[in-house]
C-alpha atoms as a PDB file:
ATOM      1  CA  UNK A   1      89.478-236.941-119.071  1.00  0.00           C
ATOM      2  CA  UNK A   2      91.561-238.543-121.811  1.00  0.00           C
ATOM      3  CA  UNK A   3      94.473-240.821-121.033  1.00  0.00           C
ATOM      4  CA  UNK A   4      97.951-239.906-122.222  1.00  0.00           C
ATOM      5  CA  UNK A   5      99.446-242.160-124.874  1.00  0.00           C
ATOM      6  CA  UNK A   6     101.637-244.029-122.405  1.00  0.00           C
ATOM      7  CA  UNK A   7      98.754-244.701-120.024  1.00  0.00           C
ATOM      8  CA  UNK A   8      96.477-245.735-122.885  1.00  0.00           C
ATOM      9  CA  UNK A   9      99.126-248.247-123.947  1.00  0.00           C
ATOM     10  CA  UNK A  10      99.464-249.450-120.361  1.00  0.00           C
ATOM     11  CA  UNK A  11      95.687-249.911-120.152  1.00  0.00           C
ATOM     12  CA  UNK A  12      95.896-252.134-123.212  1.00  0.00           C
ATOM     13  CA  UNK A  13      98.635-254.202-121.567  1.00  0.00           C
ATOM     14  CA  UNK A  14      96.334-254.676-118.596  1.00  0.00           C
ATOM     15  CA  UNK A  15      93.526-255.794-120.861  1.00  0.00           C
ATOM     16  CA  UNK A  16      91.106-253.303-119.333  1.00  0.00           C
ATOM     17  CA  UNK A  17      89.542-250.068-120.601  1.00  0.00           C
ATOM     18  CA  UNK A  18      88.725-247.508-117.916  1.00  0.00           C
ATOM     19  CA  UNK A  19      85.405-245.697-117.832  1.00  0.00           C
ATOM     20  CA  UNK A  20      86.986-243.292-115.323  1.00  0.00           C
ATOM     21  CA  UNK A  21      90.552-242.688-116.520  1.00  0.00           C
ATOM     22  CA  UNK A  22      91.240-240.534-113.458  1.00  0.00           C
ATOM     23  CA  UNK A  23      91.307-243.699-111.353  1.00  0.00           C
ATOM     24  CA  UNK A  24      94.157-245.104-113.426  1.00  0.00           C
ATOM     25  CA  UNK A  25      96.047-241.815-113.204  1.00  0.00           C
ATOM     26  CA  UNK A  26      95.698-241.794-109.421  1.00  0.00           C
ATOM     27  CA  UNK A  27      96.778-245.428-109.145  1.00  0.00           C
ATOM     28  CA  UNK A  28     100.129-244.688-110.774  1.00  0.00           C
ATOM     29  CA  UNK A  29     100.799-241.446-108.861  1.00  0.00           C
ATOM     30  CA  UNK A  30     103.404-241.908-106.155  1.00  0.00           C
ATOM     31  CA  UNK A  31     103.298-239.845-102.961  1.00  0.00           C
ATOM     32  CA  UNK A  32     106.404-237.965-104.121  1.00  0.00           C
ATOM     33  CA  UNK A  33     104.181-236.338-106.786  1.00  0.00           C
ATOM     34  CA  UNK A  34     101.279-235.407-104.520  1.00  0.00           C
ATOM     35  CA  UNK A  35      99.976-231.829-104.613  1.00  0.00           C
ATOM     36  CA  UNK A  36      96.838-229.900-103.765  1.00  0.00           C
ATOM     37  CA  UNK A  37      95.479-230.842-107.190  1.00  0.00           C
ATOM     38  CA  UNK A  38      96.813-234.393-107.344  1.00  0.00           C
ATOM     39  CA  UNK A  39      96.026-237.392-105.120  1.00  0.00           C
ATOM     40  CA  UNK A  40      98.551-240.192-104.615  1.00  0.00           C
ATOM     41  CA  UNK A  41      97.909-243.933-104.791  1.00  0.00           C
ATOM     42  CA  UNK A  42      98.268-244.887-101.113  1.00  0.00           C
ATOM     43  CA  UNK A  43      94.563-245.318-100.373  1.00  0.00           C
ATOM     44  CA  UNK A  44      94.116-247.325-103.558  1.00  0.00           C
ATOM     45  CA  UNK A  45      97.081-249.489-102.567  1.00  0.00           C
ATOM     46  CA  UNK A  46      95.337-250.289 -99.264  1.00  0.00           C
ATOM     47  CA  UNK A  47      92.182-251.346-101.086  1.00  0.00           C
ATOM     48  CA  UNK A  48      93.991-253.220-103.849  1.00  0.00           C
ATOM     49  CA  UNK A  49      95.819-255.399-101.349  1.00  0.00           C
ATOM     50  CA  UNK A  50      92.452-256.640-100.060  1.00  0.00           C
ATOM     51  CA  UNK A  51      90.992-257.145-103.545  1.00  0.00           C
ATOM     52  CA  UNK A  52      94.059-259.125-104.615  1.00  0.00           C
ATOM     53  CA  UNK A  53      93.828-261.239-101.481  1.00  0.00           C
ATOM     54  CA  UNK A  54      90.208-262.178-102.108  1.00  0.00           C
ATOM     55  CA  UNK A  55      90.865-263.019-105.752  1.00  0.00           C
ATOM     56  CA  UNK A  56      93.792-265.255-104.816  1.00  0.00           C
ATOM     57  CA  UNK A  57      91.885-266.963-101.986  1.00  0.00           C
ATOM     58  CA  UNK A  58      89.008-267.770-104.326  1.00  0.00           C
ATOM     59  CA  UNK A  59      91.343-268.948-107.085  1.00  0.00           C
ATOM     60  CA  UNK A  60      93.274-271.282-104.789  1.00  0.00           C
ATOM     61  CA  UNK A  61      90.112-272.845-103.383  1.00  0.00           C
ATOM     62  CA  UNK A  62      88.860-273.434-106.913  1.00  0.00           C
ATOM     63  CA  UNK A  63      92.197-274.793-108.144  1.00  0.00           C
ATOM     64  CA  UNK A  64      92.415-277.411-105.386  1.00  0.00           C
ATOM     65  CA  UNK A  65      89.045-278.094-103.688  1.00  0.00           C
ATOM     66  CA  UNK A  66      90.507-280.706-101.340  1.00  0.00           C
ATOM     67  CA  UNK A  67      93.579-278.769-100.114  1.00  0.00           C
ATOM     68  CA  UNK A  68      93.668-278.136 -96.348  1.00  0.00           C
ATOM     69  CA  UNK A  69      94.341-274.694 -94.903  1.00  0.00           C
ATOM     70  CA  UNK A  70      97.888-275.747 -94.054  1.00  0.00           C
ATOM     71  CA  UNK A  71      98.669-276.017 -97.775  1.00  0.00           C
ATOM     72  CA  UNK A  72      96.531-273.118 -98.942  1.00  0.00           C
ATOM     73  CA  UNK A  73      98.136-270.552 -96.627  1.00  0.00           C
ATOM     74  CA  UNK A  74     101.718-270.774 -97.968  1.00  0.00           C
ATOM     75  CA  UNK A  75     100.436-270.847-101.541  1.00  0.00           C
ATOM     76  CA  UNK A  76      98.396-267.726-100.852  1.00  0.00           C
ATOM     77  CA  UNK A  77     101.344-265.947 -99.250  1.00  0.00           C
ATOM     78  CA  UNK A  78     103.534-266.741-102.257  1.00  0.00           C
ATOM     79  CA  UNK A  79     100.993-265.238-104.659  1.00  0.00           C
ATOM     80  CA  UNK A  80     100.283-261.978-102.808  1.00  0.00           C
ATOM     81  CA  UNK A  81     103.724-261.158-101.422  1.00  0.00           C
ATOM     82  CA  UNK A  82     105.603-258.065-102.509  1.00  0.00           C
ATOM     83  CA  UNK A  83     108.045-259.894-104.779  1.00  0.00           C
ATOM     84  CA  UNK A  84     105.250-261.463-106.817  1.00  0.00           C
ATOM     85  CA  UNK A  85     103.355-258.184-107.193  1.00  0.00           C
ATOM     86  CA  UNK A  86     106.560-256.490-108.334  1.00  0.00           C
ATOM     87  CA  UNK A  87     107.252-259.267-110.849  1.00  0.00           C
ATOM     88  CA  UNK A  88     103.784-258.817-112.356  1.00  0.00           C
ATOM     89  CA  UNK A  89     104.326-255.055-112.442  1.00  0.00           C
ATOM     90  CA  UNK A  90     107.553-255.550-114.396  1.00  0.00           C
ATOM     91  CA  UNK A  91     105.833-257.834-116.900  1.00  0.00           C
ATOM     92  CA  UNK A  92     103.334-255.089-117.805  1.00  0.00           C
ATOM     93  CA  UNK A  93     106.044-252.388-117.585  1.00  0.00           C
ATOM     94  CA  UNK A  94     104.200-250.515-114.853  1.00  0.00           C
ATOM     95  CA  UNK A  95     107.401-248.718-113.888  1.00  0.00           C
ATOM     96  CA  UNK A  96     107.376-246.820-117.160  1.00  0.00           C
ATOM     97  CA  UNK A  97     104.110-245.027-116.331  1.00  0.00           C
ATOM     98  CA  UNK A  98     104.487-244.362-112.598  1.00  0.00           C
ATOM     99  CA  UNK A  99     104.401-240.638-111.821  1.00  0.00           C
ATOM    100  CA  UNK A 100     107.303-239.805-109.522  1.00  0.00           C
ATOM    101  CA  UNK A 101     108.793-236.724-107.941  1.00  0.00           C
ATOM    102  CA  UNK A 102     112.256-235.664-109.077  1.00  0.00           C
ATOM    103  CA  UNK A 103     114.130-237.020-106.062  1.00  0.00           C
ATOM    104  CA  UNK A 104     112.394-240.398-106.232  1.00  0.00           C
ATOM    105  CA  UNK A 105     113.052-240.619-109.943  1.00  0.00           C
ATOM    106  CA  UNK A 106     116.756-239.856-109.470  1.00  0.00           C
ATOM    107  CA  UNK A 107     117.027-242.607-106.865  1.00  0.00           C
ATOM    108  CA  UNK A 108     115.786-245.228-109.330  1.00  0.00           C
ATOM    109  CA  UNK A 109     112.193-245.304-108.112  1.00  0.00           C
ATOM    110  CA  UNK A 110     110.836-246.920-111.275  1.00  0.00           C
ATOM    111  CA  UNK A 111     112.841-250.058-110.474  1.00  0.00           C
ATOM    112  CA  UNK A 112     112.204-250.244-106.727  1.00  0.00           C
ATOM    113  CA  UNK A 113     110.462-253.442-105.731  1.00  0.00           C
ATOM    114  CA  UNK A 114     108.326-251.912-102.980  1.00  0.00           C
ATOM    115  CA  UNK A 115     107.214-249.034-105.176  1.00  0.00           C
ATOM    116  CA  UNK A 116     106.279-251.378-108.043  1.00  0.00           C
ATOM    117  CA  UNK A 117     104.387-253.742-105.755  1.00  0.00           C
ATOM    118  CA  UNK A 118     102.432-250.915-104.137  1.00  0.00           C
ATOM    119  CA  UNK A 119     101.528-249.419-107.514  1.00  0.00           C
ATOM    120  CA  UNK A 120     100.383-252.820-108.796  1.00  0.00           C
ATOM    121  CA  UNK A 121      97.984-253.122-105.872  1.00  0.00           C
ATOM    122  CA  UNK A 122      96.755-249.574-106.507  1.00  0.00           C
ATOM    123  CA  UNK A 123      96.053-250.402-110.159  1.00  0.00           C
ATOM    124  CA  UNK A 124      94.010-253.431-109.066  1.00  0.00           C
ATOM    125  CA  UNK A 125      91.974-251.176-106.777  1.00  0.00           C
ATOM    126  CA  UNK A 126      91.437-248.686-109.600  1.00  0.00           C
ATOM    127  CA  UNK A 127      90.005-251.449-111.781  1.00  0.00           C
ATOM    128  CA  UNK A 128      87.816-252.614-108.901  1.00  0.00           C
ATOM    129  CA  UNK A 129      86.420-249.129-108.322  1.00  0.00           C
ATOM    130  CA  UNK A 130      85.936-248.548-112.045  1.00  0.00           C
ATOM    131  CA  UNK A 131      84.377-251.858-113.068  1.00  0.00           C
ATOM    132  CA  UNK A 132      83.591-253.851-109.935  1.00  0.00           C
ATOM    133  CA  UNK A 133      84.942-257.059-108.475  1.00  0.00           C
ATOM    134  CA  UNK A 134      84.323-259.212-111.553  1.00  0.00           C
ATOM    135  CA  UNK A 135      86.429-256.873-113.689  1.00  0.00           C
ATOM    136  CA  UNK A 136      89.222-256.829-111.122  1.00  0.00           C
ATOM    137  CA  UNK A 137      89.139-260.616-110.792  1.00  0.00           C
ATOM    138  CA  UNK A 138      89.386-261.066-114.563  1.00  0.00           C
ATOM    139  CA  UNK A 139      92.437-258.814-114.850  1.00  0.00           C
ATOM    140  CA  UNK A 140      94.207-260.294-111.819  1.00  0.00           C
ATOM    141  CA  UNK A 141      93.687-263.883-112.969  1.00  0.00           C
ATOM    142  CA  UNK A 142      95.019-262.934-116.401  1.00  0.00           C
ATOM    143  CA  UNK A 143      98.095-261.151-115.041  1.00  0.00           C
ATOM    144  CA  UNK A 144      98.977-263.776-112.426  1.00  0.00           C
ATOM    145  CA  UNK A 145      98.238-266.552-114.942  1.00  0.00           C
ATOM    146  CA  UNK A 146     100.183-269.772-114.479  1.00  0.00           C
ATOM    147  CA  UNK A 147     101.542-268.600-111.139  1.00  0.00           C
ATOM    148  CA  UNK A 148      98.269-269.699-109.573  1.00  0.00           C
ATOM    149  CA  UNK A 149      98.341-273.266-110.866  1.00  0.00           C
ATOM    150  CA  UNK A 150     102.099-273.670-110.532  1.00  0.00           C
ATOM    151  CA  UNK A 151     102.513-272.347-106.997  1.00  0.00           C
ATOM    152  CA  UNK A 152     104.346-274.987-104.981  1.00  0.00           C
ATOM    153  CA  UNK A 153     102.944-276.678-101.889  1.00  0.00           C
ATOM    154  CA  UNK A 154     105.920-275.423 -99.916  1.00  0.00           C
ATOM    155  CA  UNK A 155     105.651-271.909-101.330  1.00  0.00           C
ATOM    156  CA  UNK A 156     107.237-270.107 -98.408  1.00  0.00           C
ATOM    157  CA  UNK A 157     109.803-267.403 -98.808  1.00  0.00           C
ATOM    158  CA  UNK A 158     113.350-268.726 -98.517  1.00  0.00           C
ATOM    159  CA  UNK A 159     114.173-266.838 -95.299  1.00  0.00           C
ATOM    160  CA  UNK A 160     111.195-268.359 -93.506  1.00  0.00           C
ATOM    161  CA  UNK A 161     111.986-271.827 -94.833  1.00  0.00           C
ATOM    162  CA  UNK A 162     115.632-271.580 -93.721  1.00  0.00           C
ATOM    163  CA  UNK A 163     114.652-270.383 -90.250  1.00  0.00           C
ATOM    164  CA  UNK A 164     112.219-273.281 -89.889  1.00  0.00           C
ATOM    165  CA  UNK A 165     114.942-275.694 -91.045  1.00  0.00           C
ATOM    166  CA  UNK A 166     117.312-274.364 -88.372  1.00  0.00           C
ATOM    167  CA  UNK A 167     114.713-274.396 -85.603  1.00  0.00           C
ATOM    168  CA  UNK A 168     113.722-277.969 -86.416  1.00  0.00           C
ATOM    169  CA  UNK A 169     117.330-278.954 -85.700  1.00  0.00           C
ATOM    170  CA  UNK A 170     117.618-276.970 -82.480  1.00  0.00           C
ATOM    171  CA  UNK A 171     119.750-274.229 -83.995  1.00  0.00           C
ATOM    172  CA  UNK A 172     119.412-270.492 -83.491  1.00  0.00           C
ATOM    173  CA  UNK A 173     117.852-268.489 -86.334  1.00  0.00           C
ATOM    174  CA  UNK A 174     120.251-267.736 -89.219  1.00  0.00           C
ATOM    175  CA  UNK A 175     122.066-264.391 -89.161  1.00  0.00           C
ATOM    176  CA  UNK A 176     122.302-261.988 -92.112  1.00  0.00           C
ATOM    177  CA  UNK A 177     125.206-259.599 -92.658  1.00  0.00           C
ATOM    178  CA  UNK A 178     125.723-256.992 -95.364  1.00  0.00           C
ATOM    179  CA  UNK A 179     129.256-257.641 -96.625  1.00  0.00           C
ATOM    180  CA  UNK A 180     129.375-255.200 -99.534  1.00  0.00           C
ATOM    181  CA  UNK A 181     127.517-252.461-101.356  1.00  0.00           C
ATOM    182  CA  UNK A 182     128.502-251.413-104.849  1.00  0.00           C
ATOM    183  CA  UNK A 183     127.125-249.308-107.684  1.00  0.00           C
ATOM    184  CA  UNK A 184     125.715-245.763-107.754  1.00  0.00           C
ATOM    185  CA  UNK A 185     123.157-244.555-105.209  1.00  0.00           C
ATOM    186  CA  UNK A 186     120.321-244.790-107.726  1.00  0.00           C
ATOM    187  CA  UNK A 187     121.145-248.392-108.616  1.00  0.00           C
ATOM    188  CA  UNK A 188     122.972-250.067-105.720  1.00  0.00           C
ATOM    189  CA  UNK A 189     123.898-253.747-105.438  1.00  0.00           C
ATOM    190  CA  UNK A 190     123.938-255.349-102.003  1.00  0.00           C
ATOM    191  CA  UNK A 191     125.887-258.471-101.048  1.00  0.00           C
ATOM    192  CA  UNK A 192     124.458-260.359 -98.093  1.00  0.00           C
ATOM    193  CA  UNK A 193     125.944-263.327 -96.227  1.00  0.00           C
ATOM    194  CA  UNK A 194     123.670-265.692 -94.334  1.00  0.00           C
ATOM    195  CA  UNK A 195     125.190-267.965 -91.697  1.00  0.00           C
ATOM    196  CA  UNK A 196     123.802-270.832 -89.654  1.00  0.00           C
ATOM    197  CA  UNK A 197     124.828-271.577 -86.080  1.00  0.00           C
ATOM    198  CA  UNK A 198     126.592-274.654 -87.439  1.00  0.00           C
ATOM    199  CA  UNK A 199     128.854-272.394 -89.500  1.00  0.00           C
ATOM    200  CA  UNK A 200     127.425-273.110 -92.958  1.00  0.00           C
ATOM    201  CA  UNK A 201     127.140-269.947 -95.009  1.00  0.00           C
ATOM    202  CA  UNK A 202     126.235-268.578 -98.440  1.00  0.00           C
ATOM    203  CA  UNK A 203     126.253-265.141-100.055  1.00  0.00           C
ATOM    204  CA  UNK A 204     124.173-263.456-102.747  1.00  0.00           C
ATOM    205  CA  UNK A 205     124.034-260.084-104.465  1.00  0.00           C
ATOM    206  CA  UNK A 206     120.896-258.230-105.578  1.00  0.00           C
ATOM    207  CA  UNK A 207     119.474-254.762-106.093  1.00  0.00           C
ATOM    208  CA  UNK A 208     117.875-254.629-102.639  1.00  0.00           C
ATOM    209  CA  UNK A 209     118.834-256.017 -99.248  1.00  0.00           C
ATOM    210  CA  UNK A 210     115.609-257.996 -99.095  1.00  0.00           C
ATOM    211  CA  UNK A 211     116.229-259.656-102.450  1.00  0.00           C
ATOM    212  CA  UNK A 212     119.834-260.437-101.535  1.00  0.00           C
ATOM    213  CA  UNK A 213     118.773-261.967 -98.226  1.00  0.00           C
ATOM    214  CA  UNK A 214     116.186-264.131 -99.965  1.00  0.00           C
ATOM    215  CA  UNK A 215     118.674-265.237-102.602  1.00  0.00           C
ATOM    216  CA  UNK A 216     121.313-266.076 -99.997  1.00  0.00           C
ATOM    217  CA  UNK A 217     118.787-268.029 -97.935  1.00  0.00           C
ATOM    218  CA  UNK A 218     117.658-269.960-101.009  1.00  0.00           C
ATOM    219  CA  UNK A 219     121.254-270.833-101.878  1.00  0.00           C
ATOM    220  CA  UNK A 220     121.966-272.023 -98.345  1.00  0.00           C
ATOM    221  CA  UNK A 221     118.773-274.083 -98.308  1.00  0.00           C
ATOM    222  CA  UNK A 222     119.941-275.905-101.431  1.00  0.00           C
ATOM    223  CA  UNK A 223     123.321-276.562 -99.800  1.00  0.00           C
ATOM    224  CA  UNK A 224     121.928-277.980 -96.542  1.00  0.00           C
ATOM    225  CA  UNK A 225     119.304-280.034 -98.368  1.00  0.00           C
ATOM    226  CA  UNK A 226     122.099-281.777-100.234  1.00  0.00           C
END
């Protein structure tokens, strides 16, 4: 099987040449394109999540041999969470080669964070199955790059950090409210307001509710820290 030009270019961006190109094709095939002759990437996604986790765990232990588990855990979570996987996927333009059904394509599937993150994990699994763990580790460490050494000690997602801040002060968990939705269905923008029991609030707008909630929480954290 010979890779199409776009997938061959994507393989070069990964820095890996597949012995079994069919694995790469499967890794970028979304369930909306599945057929009797075509497998989707869901099983590979399941495997890739575990491969990524092991690579990151090893890398963090090597980067800081004296760090206790209490510091390693949030660093690990920051490196393997959906947002990070999607960011890496965008950097290698994975969205451009994902095979989508018509309805998913019309709804802006190539830009969806969850879809990009899942496909990135599937690609990692494809490399693992094609070349083994050492090959997968090499590609992951290259793609994640400085993220591994720069990950902060308090690398928690903003929503978790804000909730912990409120609980430490005896407040109820912050509440999140969608205050607006604009843009076409295939490219919506959500505005989310986050409010503390004390009345302090911030808003943020992003392409997904999750991103908007995280951005609003981060903004409110900066405000209360001041």
